Amino acid sequence: MISVMSCRKDAIAIATRHVEEGRRIVLQQRKLISEGLAVPNAVELLKTFEQSLKIFEADLERLLRERDGNEQSCGPG
């Protein structure tokens, strides 16, 4: 059986990777736009990337709060 602590660590690791990758993608898209190398609809795509990043960041923040507050977030409730 997977412990709550192990499950939480895994979830935090995954969420951290999502945030890091999301930030990288947003920066890359901004660079492409600023250099005039972007595809059509690049600004709309950037907005979508930024919205996704906000969701990833909020998820990571929630997981960290749960960990710090010792709230159970994995497994049966």
C-alpha atoms as a PDB file:
ATOM      1  CA  MET A   1       0.000   0.000   0.000  1.00  0.00           C
ATOM      2  CA  ILE A   2       1.278   3.449  -0.904  1.00  0.00           C
ATOM      3  CA  SER A   3       1.566   5.806   2.037  1.00  0.00           C
ATOM      4  CA  VAL A   4      -0.013   9.246   1.993  1.00  0.00           C
ATOM      5  CA  MET A   5       3.431  10.779   2.436  1.00  0.00           C
ATOM      6  CA  SER A   6       4.805   8.913  -0.579  1.00  0.00           C
ATOM      7  CA  CYS A   7       1.755   9.793  -2.641  1.00  0.00           C
ATOM      8  CA  ARG A   8       2.060  13.457  -1.665  1.00  0.00           C
ATOM      9  CA  LYS A   9       5.780  13.528  -2.530  1.00  0.00           C
ATOM     10  CA  ASP A  10       5.027  12.050  -5.929  1.00  0.00           C
ATOM     11  CA  ALA A  11       2.234  14.558  -6.548  1.00  0.00           C
ATOM     12  CA  ILE A  12       4.478  17.472  -5.536  1.00  0.00           C
ATOM     13  CA  ALA A  13       7.269  16.228  -7.801  1.00  0.00           C
ATOM     14  CA  ILE A  14       4.897  15.953 -10.749  1.00  0.00           C
ATOM     15  CA  ALA A  15       3.357  19.368 -10.057  1.00  0.00           C
ATOM     16  CA  THR A  16       6.827  20.912  -9.774  1.00  0.00           C
ATOM     17  CA  ARG A  17       7.780  19.492 -13.169  1.00  0.00           C
ATOM     18  CA  HIS A  18       4.552  20.848 -14.669  1.00  0.00           C
ATOM     19  CA  VAL A  19       5.316  24.332 -13.318  1.00  0.00           C
ATOM     20  CA  GLU A  20       8.915  24.243 -14.541  1.00  0.00           C
ATOM     21  CA  GLU A  21       7.920  23.037 -17.993  1.00  0.00           C
ATOM     22  CA  GLY A  22       5.049  25.522 -18.173  1.00  0.00           C
ATOM     23  CA  ARG A  23       7.372  28.405 -17.311  1.00  0.00           C
ATOM     24  CA  ARG A  24       9.841  27.264 -19.955  1.00  0.00           C
ATOM     25  CA  ILE A  25       7.105  27.100 -22.596  1.00  0.00           C
ATOM     26  CA  VAL A  26       5.732  30.541 -21.685  1.00  0.00           C
ATOM     27  CA  LEU A  27       9.209  32.103 -21.849  1.00  0.00           C
ATOM     28  CA  GLN A  28       9.902  30.432 -25.181  1.00  0.00           C
ATOM     29  CA  GLN A  29       6.601  31.628 -26.644  1.00  0.00           C
ATOM     30  CA  ARG A  30       7.207  35.187 -25.418  1.00  0.00           C
ATOM     31  CA  LYS A  31      10.658  35.122 -27.021  1.00  0.00           C
ATOM     32  CA  LEU A  32       9.263  33.904 -30.330  1.00  0.00           C
ATOM     33  CA  ILE A  33       6.660  36.665 -30.318  1.00  0.00           C
ATOM     34  CA  SER A  34       9.190  39.374 -29.410  1.00  0.00           C
ATOM     35  CA  GLU A  35      11.554  38.229 -32.171  1.00  0.00           C
ATOM     36  CA  GLY A  36       8.769  38.140 -34.752  1.00  0.00           C
ATOM     37  CA  LEU A  37       9.220  34.403 -35.295  1.00  0.00           C
ATOM     38  CA  ALA A  38       5.830  33.361 -34.015  1.00  0.00           C
ATOM     39  CA  VAL A  39       3.172  31.452 -35.930  1.00  0.00           C
ATOM     40  CA  PRO A  40      -0.303  32.875 -36.596  1.00  0.00           C
ATOM     41  CA  ASN A  41      -2.385  33.048 -33.403  1.00  0.00           C
ATOM     42  CA  ALA A  42       0.825  33.099 -31.328  1.00  0.00           C
ATOM     43  CA  VAL A  43      -0.566  35.630 -28.841  1.00  0.00           C
ATOM     44  CA  GLU A  44      -3.690  33.553 -28.278  1.00  0.00           C
ATOM     45  CA  LEU A  45      -1.512  30.490 -27.822  1.00  0.00           C
ATOM     46  CA  LEU A  46       0.623  32.386 -25.301  1.00  0.00           C
ATOM     47  CA  LYS A  47      -2.515  33.278 -23.348  1.00  0.00           C
ATOM     48  CA  THR A  48      -3.478  29.601 -23.266  1.00  0.00           C
ATOM     49  CA  PHE A  49       0.006  28.650 -22.056  1.00  0.00           C
ATOM     50  CA  GLU A  50      -0.170  31.335 -19.362  1.00  0.00           C
ATOM     51  CA  GLN A  51      -3.580  30.119 -18.189  1.00  0.00           C
ATOM     52  CA  SER A  52      -2.267  26.557 -17.994  1.00  0.00           C
ATOM     53  CA  LEU A  53       0.753  27.751 -16.032  1.00  0.00           C
ATOM     54  CA  LYS A  54      -1.504  29.512 -13.525  1.00  0.00           C
ATOM     55  CA  ILE A  55      -3.412  26.264 -13.022  1.00  0.00           C
ATOM     56  CA  PHE A  56      -0.158  24.322 -12.562  1.00  0.00           C
ATOM     57  CA  GLU A  57       1.138  26.886 -10.056  1.00  0.00           C
ATOM     58  CA  ALA A  58      -2.117  26.851  -8.089  1.00  0.00           C
ATOM     59  CA  ASP A  59      -2.060  23.055  -7.976  1.00  0.00           C
ATOM     60  CA  LEU A  60       1.518  23.044  -6.681  1.00  0.00           C
ATOM     61  CA  GLU A  61       0.678  25.681  -4.069  1.00  0.00           C
ATOM     62  CA  ARG A  62      -2.304  23.603  -2.918  1.00  0.00           C
ATOM     63  CA  LEU A  63      -0.199  20.474  -2.614  1.00  0.00           C
ATOM     64  CA  LEU A  64       2.462  22.324  -0.623  1.00  0.00           C
ATOM     65  CA  ARG A  65      -0.190  23.785   1.711  1.00  0.00           C
ATOM     66  CA  GLU A  66      -1.649  20.320   2.234  1.00  0.00           C
ATOM     67  CA  ARG A  67       1.795  18.927   2.968  1.00  0.00           C
ATOM     68  CA  ASP A  68       2.627  21.738   5.397  1.00  0.00           C
ATOM     69  CA  GLY A  69      -0.759  21.437   7.075  1.00  0.00           C
ATOM     70  CA  ASN A  70      -0.519  17.640   7.148  1.00  0.00           C
ATOM     71  CA  GLU A  71      -3.838  17.363   5.325  1.00  0.00           C
ATOM     72  CA  GLN A  72      -4.518  14.015   3.702  1.00  0.00           C
ATOM     73  CA  SER A  73      -4.820  14.404  -0.063  1.00  0.00           C
ATOM     74  CA  CYS A  74      -4.042  10.947  -1.420  1.00  0.00           C
ATOM     75  CA  GLY A  75      -5.964   7.755  -1.200  1.00  0.00           C
ATOM     76  CA  PRO A  76      -9.471   7.196   0.144  1.00  0.00           C
ATOM     77  CA  GLY A  77     -10.924  10.142   1.860  1.00  0.00           C
END
